[in-house]
Amino acid sequence: MTDFVHSFLFHDTPIIKKGETVSVAMVMDFSKEGWVGIPHGGIGMGAIMELVPGIGLAETDQGDVQYPVVCRFRMGGSEARVGDRVVIQAAPSEGGISGRISVENADMPYITSDCTFGDQIAEIDSYARDYVPSCYSQIKGRLDHIPHYRNCFVCGVDRKAPGLKRRFHLWKSPHGHVVCAFAGFNEEDKDTFYLFERNGFIHPMGLLAVLDETMGWGGFFTSANGGVSVRLNYKFLRKIGVHEKLVFFGRGEKVLGRIDKRMLFWASGCGVVMKDDGSFEKVVESSGQWYAMAALTEQMRTDLIPKSLTQKAFASVREKISC
């Protein structure tokens, strides 16, 4: 039987194991787009995670990955563009598993990573997530819609290929501007976000990608600019079933520099499962650093849809920064 996630990522390309190293080739085709012309970071991170079980070191006797899991990703060595062919590798390392993605004929990797499991767990940051509410009723009816792209793997609405098709929302909370996204609240989510599953559990790629974008939006409302991921950290506390409802949160934490010179921004995030009584259980934490780019901010102005929501988002960030 065809494995959907493997087919989406690699088509019919097999994973190869040589010694303790596993590898596979992948084409960053149009189905993997995030920013216009740029592969979504969640695709690369998810492709590395797809290789982890093949190494075997992180597994229990039942073949499950040992939780909790901490993953750290670093981007920006060599640029990847839609259409590029890349090679993904993963191998044992001191304390866990390391991974890398290299663009064909490039001198430096596009993404590198390391993962630790179970008893080897480490903290990913020192951010206080006091902005994460304890239950759904605290945010219900208090959210403004945020615009989206046409073909983005996470938020694209006109995709021909499978995608997550998430919508993002702004919550002007007591703890600042917080961005939210949801999964499992609509029946059609079984054909989008929950399509990326295996054996009844959500594949890490969907979680990595949605939190990346949620935090990126959170950083936008702090920096007034779009950016590319530089470092992303995740802490998965347990597996998440396809029957569970998820809410994602992201908030910008700080900004350094100026967009006409060099600007970096940081954000934190969190994913929770909503229980039957509306209360939230934290299942994943995230944080990251982004390199802000004026060209991406302009792309947001021109390519995000609908225009009315784009204008509203930029007005909200101007309002927040002027306060």
Protein backbone atom coordinates (compact mmCIF):
# COMPACT_ATOMS: atom_id res chain seq x y z
CA MET A 1 0.00 0.00 0.00
CA THR A 2 1.31 3.47 -0.88
CA ASP A 3 2.38 5.60 2.09
CA PHE A 4 0.86 9.05 1.58
CA VAL A 5 3.46 11.14 3.45
CA HIS A 6 6.39 9.37 1.79
CA SER A 7 4.75 9.74 -1.63
CA PHE A 8 4.05 13.45 -1.08
CA LEU A 9 7.64 14.15 -0.07
CA PHE A 10 9.67 11.80 -2.23
CA HIS A 11 7.26 10.40 -4.85
CA ASP A 12 8.59 6.89 -5.58
CA THR A 13 12.19 7.59 -4.54
CA PRO A 14 13.33 4.99 -1.97
CA ILE A 15 15.13 5.75 1.28
CA ILE A 16 18.65 4.32 1.19
CA LYS A 17 20.57 3.06 4.21
CA LYS A 18 24.38 2.81 4.16
CA GLY A 19 25.86 1.79 7.47
CA GLU A 20 24.16 3.98 10.09
CA THR A 21 23.25 6.78 7.64
CA VAL A 22 19.90 7.00 5.84
CA SER A 23 19.35 9.30 2.86
CA VAL A 24 16.87 10.14 0.14
CA ALA A 25 16.67 12.59 -2.78
CA MET A 26 13.78 15.04 -3.11
CA VAL A 27 12.73 17.66 -5.66
CA MET A 28 11.42 20.90 -4.17
CA ASP A 29 8.57 21.05 -6.66
CA PHE A 30 5.65 23.50 -6.71
CA SER A 31 3.74 21.43 -4.15
CA LYS A 32 6.39 22.32 -1.54
CA GLU A 33 6.18 26.11 -1.90
CA GLY A 34 5.85 28.48 1.09
CA TRP A 35 6.88 32.04 0.27
CA VAL A 36 6.43 32.55 -3.49
CA GLY A 37 9.25 30.63 -5.19
CA ILE A 38 10.72 29.37 -1.90
CA PRO A 39 10.13 25.90 -0.37
CA HIS A 40 8.32 25.95 2.96
CA GLY A 41 10.66 25.26 5.87
CA GLY A 42 8.17 22.78 7.29
CA ILE A 43 8.69 20.54 4.26
CA GLY A 44 12.44 20.27 4.84
CA MET A 45 12.06 19.76 8.57
CA GLY A 46 9.37 17.14 8.00
CA ALA A 47 11.55 15.34 5.45
CA ILE A 48 14.37 15.05 8.00
CA MET A 49 11.93 13.71 10.61
CA GLU A 50 10.70 11.17 8.07
CA LEU A 51 14.17 9.59 8.14
CA VAL A 52 14.49 9.35 11.93
CA PRO A 53 12.64 6.02 12.40
CA GLY A 54 14.94 4.42 9.81
CA ILE A 55 17.91 4.86 12.13
CA GLY A 56 16.24 2.98 14.98
CA LEU A 57 18.10 4.57 17.90
CA ALA A 58 15.12 6.65 19.00
CA GLU A 59 12.60 3.81 19.10
CA THR A 60 10.96 1.85 21.91
CA ASP A 61 10.49 -1.92 21.80
CA GLN A 62 7.14 -1.30 20.12
CA GLY A 63 8.75 0.72 17.31
CA ASP A 64 7.49 4.11 18.54
CA VAL A 65 9.72 7.17 18.83
CA GLN A 66 10.57 7.91 22.47
CA TYR A 67 8.78 10.99 23.80
CA PRO A 68 9.36 13.72 24.67
CA VAL A 69 11.37 14.74 21.59
CA VAL A 70 13.42 17.91 21.13
CA CYS A 71 14.37 19.00 17.60
CA ARG A 72 16.57 21.96 16.68
CA PHE A 73 16.80 23.16 13.08
CA ARG A 74 19.22 25.68 11.57
CA MET A 75 18.60 27.23 8.16
CA GLY A 76 20.36 29.57 5.80
CA GLY A 77 23.61 27.95 4.66
CA SER A 78 22.65 27.56 1.01
CA GLU A 79 19.40 28.95 -0.35
CA ALA A 80 16.82 26.54 -1.73
CA ARG A 81 14.36 27.51 -4.46
CA VAL A 82 11.30 25.81 -5.88
CA GLY A 83 12.58 23.40 -8.53
CA ASP A 84 15.83 22.52 -6.74
CA ARG A 85 16.87 18.91 -6.18
CA VAL A 86 18.08 18.21 -2.64
CA VAL A 87 19.44 15.26 -0.68
CA ILE A 88 18.25 14.60 2.89
CA GLN A 89 20.46 12.64 5.28
CA ALA A 90 20.16 11.50 8.90
CA ALA A 91 22.61 9.62 11.12
CA PRO A 92 23.32 8.88 14.79
CA SER A 93 25.16 11.62 16.67
CA GLU A 94 26.38 12.12 20.21
CA GLY A 95 23.22 12.30 22.30
CA GLY A 96 20.74 11.71 19.49
CA ILE A 97 20.30 11.96 15.73
CA SER A 98 21.58 14.62 13.33
CA GLY A 99 20.15 15.52 9.95
CA ARG A 100 20.93 17.73 7.00
CA ILE A 101 19.52 18.80 3.65
CA SER A 102 21.89 19.81 0.87
CA VAL A 103 20.94 21.48 -2.38
CA GLU A 104 22.54 19.72 -5.34
CA ASN A 105 25.94 21.30 -6.18
CA ALA A 106 25.81 23.71 -3.21
CA ASP A 107 28.80 24.14 -0.89
CA MET A 108 26.83 24.39 2.37
CA PRO A 109 23.71 22.61 3.67
CA TYR A 110 20.30 24.25 3.37
CA ILE A 111 19.08 22.87 6.75
CA THR A 112 20.88 21.07 9.57
CA SER A 113 19.24 19.57 12.64
CA ASP A 114 19.70 17.55 15.79
CA CYS A 115 17.12 15.61 17.76
CA THR A 116 17.18 14.13 21.26
CA PHE A 117 14.68 11.70 22.75
CA GLY A 118 13.20 10.54 26.02
CA ASP A 119 15.54 10.81 28.99
CA GLN A 120 17.98 12.95 26.99
CA ILE A 121 15.42 15.76 26.70
CA ALA A 122 16.54 19.40 26.92
CA GLU A 123 14.79 22.75 27.19
CA ILE A 124 14.40 24.75 23.99
CA ASP A 125 14.12 28.31 25.37
CA SER A 126 13.30 30.44 28.40
CA TYR A 127 10.19 32.20 27.08
CA ALA A 128 7.16 32.45 29.35
CA ARG A 129 4.06 31.28 27.49
CA ASP A 130 1.67 33.18 29.73
CA TYR A 131 -0.25 34.18 26.61
CA VAL A 132 -1.55 30.62 26.09
CA PRO A 133 -5.08 30.47 27.56
CA SER A 134 -6.31 27.58 29.67
CA CYS A 135 -9.45 26.94 27.63
CA TYR A 136 -11.17 27.68 24.33
CA SER A 137 -13.77 30.05 25.82
CA GLN A 138 -11.03 32.64 26.45
CA ILE A 139 -10.44 33.15 22.71
CA LYS A 140 -13.80 32.23 21.18
CA GLY A 141 -15.29 35.20 19.31
CA ARG A 142 -12.20 37.35 19.91
CA LEU A 143 -10.21 36.58 16.77
CA ASP A 144 -9.57 38.61 13.60
CA HIS A 145 -8.79 36.83 10.33
CA ILE A 146 -5.31 37.10 8.80
CA PRO A 147 -4.72 36.92 4.99
CA HIS A 148 -3.22 33.93 3.20
CA TYR A 149 -1.38 32.82 0.05
CA ARG A 150 -2.64 30.89 -2.97
CA ASN A 151 -0.14 28.02 -3.10
CA CYS A 152 1.65 27.96 0.27
CA PHE A 153 1.88 24.43 1.71
CA VAL A 154 0.42 25.69 4.99
CA CYS A 155 -2.06 28.44 4.06
CA GLY A 156 -2.54 28.13 0.27
CA VAL A 157 -6.19 28.15 -0.80
CA ASP A 158 -5.79 27.43 -4.54
CA ARG A 159 -3.38 24.49 -4.32
CA LYS A 160 -3.77 21.63 -6.76
CA ALA A 161 -1.47 19.46 -4.60
CA PRO A 162 -2.43 18.35 -1.07
CA GLY A 163 -1.77 20.97 1.58
CA LEU A 164 -2.62 21.89 5.16
CA LYS A 165 -4.92 24.80 4.19
CA ARG A 166 -4.76 26.50 7.59
CA ARG A 167 -6.20 29.92 8.37
CA PHE A 168 -4.49 32.23 10.83
CA HIS A 169 -6.14 34.59 13.28
CA LEU A 170 -5.03 37.53 15.40
CA TRP A 171 -5.94 37.63 19.07
CA LYS A 172 -5.30 40.98 20.75
CA SER A 173 -4.77 39.36 24.12
CA PRO A 174 -3.86 40.84 27.52
CA HIS A 175 -0.34 39.58 26.75
CA GLY A 176 0.07 41.28 23.38
CA HIS A 177 -0.75 40.34 19.80
CA VAL A 178 -1.00 36.52 19.61
CA VAL A 179 -1.56 34.56 16.40
CA CYS A 180 -3.73 31.43 16.44
CA ALA A 181 -4.49 28.56 14.07
CA PHE A 182 -6.82 25.59 14.44
CA ALA A 183 -7.10 22.00 13.23
CA GLY A 184 -9.87 19.47 13.71
CA PHE A 185 -12.70 21.94 14.20
CA ASN A 186 -14.09 21.40 10.68
CA GLU A 187 -15.03 18.19 8.90
CA GLU A 188 -12.97 19.11 5.81
CA ASP A 189 -9.76 19.08 7.89
CA LYS A 190 -9.61 15.31 7.41
CA ASP A 191 -8.74 16.00 3.76
CA THR A 192 -6.13 18.67 4.53
CA PHE A 193 -4.21 18.86 7.82
CA TYR A 194 -5.12 15.34 9.00
CA LEU A 195 -4.31 13.84 5.62
CA PHE A 196 -0.65 14.03 6.70
CA GLU A 197 -0.80 11.16 9.18
CA ARG A 198 0.53 7.70 9.75
CA ASN A 199 -1.13 4.88 11.68
CA GLY A 200 -3.70 7.27 13.14
CA PHE A 201 -1.22 9.87 14.41
CA ILE A 202 -0.29 13.25 12.96
CA HIS A 203 3.01 13.31 11.10
CA PRO A 204 5.50 15.80 12.62
CA MET A 205 5.65 17.73 9.34
CA GLY A 206 2.23 19.30 9.83
CA LEU A 207 3.05 20.42 13.37
CA LEU A 208 6.47 21.77 12.37
CA ALA A 209 5.06 23.71 9.43
CA VAL A 210 2.03 25.23 11.15
CA LEU A 211 4.01 26.34 14.22
CA ASP A 212 6.72 27.79 11.95
CA GLU A 213 4.11 29.92 10.20
CA THR A 214 2.19 30.78 13.38
CA MET A 215 5.37 32.06 15.02
CA GLY A 216 6.40 33.86 11.82
CA TRP A 217 3.11 35.75 11.90
CA GLY A 218 3.66 36.46 15.58
CA GLY A 219 7.04 37.96 14.70
CA PHE A 220 5.43 40.06 11.97
CA PHE A 221 3.19 41.71 14.55
CA THR A 222 6.30 42.63 16.53
CA SER A 223 8.65 43.63 13.70
CA ALA A 224 6.22 44.80 10.95
CA ASN A 225 8.18 42.61 8.51
CA GLY A 226 8.21 39.16 6.99
CA GLY A 227 11.26 36.96 7.39
CA VAL A 228 12.93 33.65 6.66
CA SER A 229 13.57 31.17 9.44
CA VAL A 230 17.12 31.06 10.81
CA ARG A 231 16.67 28.74 13.79
CA LEU A 232 13.63 26.74 14.90
CA ASN A 233 13.30 24.66 18.07
CA TYR A 234 10.53 22.20 18.93
CA LYS A 235 9.66 20.12 21.96
CA PHE A 236 7.07 17.39 21.31
CA LEU A 237 5.54 16.05 24.51
CA ARG A 238 3.54 13.16 23.04
CA LYS A 239 2.00 11.72 19.89
CA ILE A 240 -1.20 13.40 18.68
CA GLY A 241 -4.09 11.39 17.25
CA VAL A 242 -6.05 12.35 14.16
CA HIS A 243 -9.21 12.48 16.28
CA GLU A 244 -7.85 15.31 18.46
CA LYS A 245 -8.57 19.02 18.05
CA LEU A 246 -5.55 21.31 17.98
CA VAL A 247 -4.98 25.01 18.60
CA PHE A 248 -1.64 26.66 17.77
CA PHE A 249 -0.37 29.91 19.29
CA GLY A 250 2.54 32.18 18.36
CA ARG A 251 3.83 35.49 19.70
CA GLY A 252 6.70 37.77 18.72
CA GLU A 253 9.20 38.11 21.57
CA LYS A 254 11.82 40.66 20.50
CA VAL A 255 13.33 42.51 17.54
CA LEU A 256 16.88 43.66 16.91
CA GLY A 257 18.12 45.92 14.12
CA ARG A 258 16.52 47.87 11.30
CA ILE A 259 15.03 46.57 8.07
CA ASP A 260 17.22 48.90 5.95
CA LYS A 261 20.34 47.33 7.50
CA ARG A 262 19.92 44.01 9.31
CA MET A 263 16.87 42.98 11.31
CA LEU A 264 16.24 39.80 13.30
CA PHE A 265 13.15 38.88 15.25
CA TRP A 266 12.34 36.09 17.69
CA ALA A 267 9.05 34.34 18.46
CA SER A 268 7.71 31.55 20.65
CA GLY A 269 4.85 29.16 20.08
CA CYS A 270 2.79 26.36 21.52
CA GLY A 271 0.37 23.69 20.35
CA VAL A 272 -2.46 22.45 22.57
CA VAL A 273 -5.08 19.73 22.33
CA MET A 274 -8.60 20.83 23.21
CA LYS A 275 -10.35 18.34 25.48
CA ASP A 276 -14.09 17.66 25.51
CA ASP A 277 -14.67 20.26 28.26
CA GLY A 278 -12.86 22.96 26.25
CA SER A 279 -9.73 22.94 28.38
CA PHE A 280 -6.28 22.86 26.77
CA GLU A 281 -3.48 20.30 27.15
CA LYS A 282 -0.05 21.45 25.95
CA VAL A 283 1.47 18.93 23.52
CA VAL A 284 4.26 20.86 21.78
CA GLU A 285 6.35 23.98 22.39
CA SER A 286 8.35 25.91 19.81
CA SER A 287 10.56 28.96 19.40
CA GLY A 288 12.65 30.49 16.67
CA GLN A 289 14.64 33.29 15.11
CA TRP A 290 13.93 34.94 11.74
CA TYR A 291 15.90 37.17 9.39
CA ALA A 292 13.59 39.97 8.26
CA MET A 293 13.67 40.91 4.58
CA ALA A 294 12.08 43.96 2.95
CA ALA A 295 11.45 41.93 -0.22
CA LEU A 296 9.30 39.45 1.72
CA THR A 297 7.39 42.25 3.42
CA GLU A 298 6.62 43.67 -0.03
CA GLN A 299 5.60 40.20 -1.19
CA MET A 300 3.11 40.09 1.67
CA ARG A 301 1.64 43.41 0.56
CA THR A 302 1.24 42.29 -3.06
CA ASP A 303 0.58 38.52 -2.96
CA LEU A 304 -1.40 37.84 0.20
CA ILE A 305 -5.17 37.60 -0.31
CA PRO A 306 -7.73 39.02 0.17
CA LYS A 307 -6.40 42.56 -0.04
CA SER A 308 -8.82 43.79 2.62
CA LEU A 309 -7.31 41.44 5.20
CA THR A 310 -3.77 42.34 4.12
CA GLN A 311 -4.51 46.02 4.69
CA LYS A 312 -6.09 45.20 8.05
CA ALA A 313 -3.05 43.14 9.14
CA PHE A 314 -0.61 45.94 8.27
CA ALA A 315 -2.87 48.46 10.03
CA SER A 316 -2.89 46.25 13.15
CA VAL A 317 0.89 46.01 13.25
CA ARG A 318 1.26 49.78 12.83
CA GLU A 319 -1.23 50.27 15.65
CA LYS A 320 0.66 47.88 17.94
CA ILE A 321 4.10 49.34 17.25
CA SER A 322 2.88 52.90 17.77
CA CYS A 323 1.44 52.04 21.21
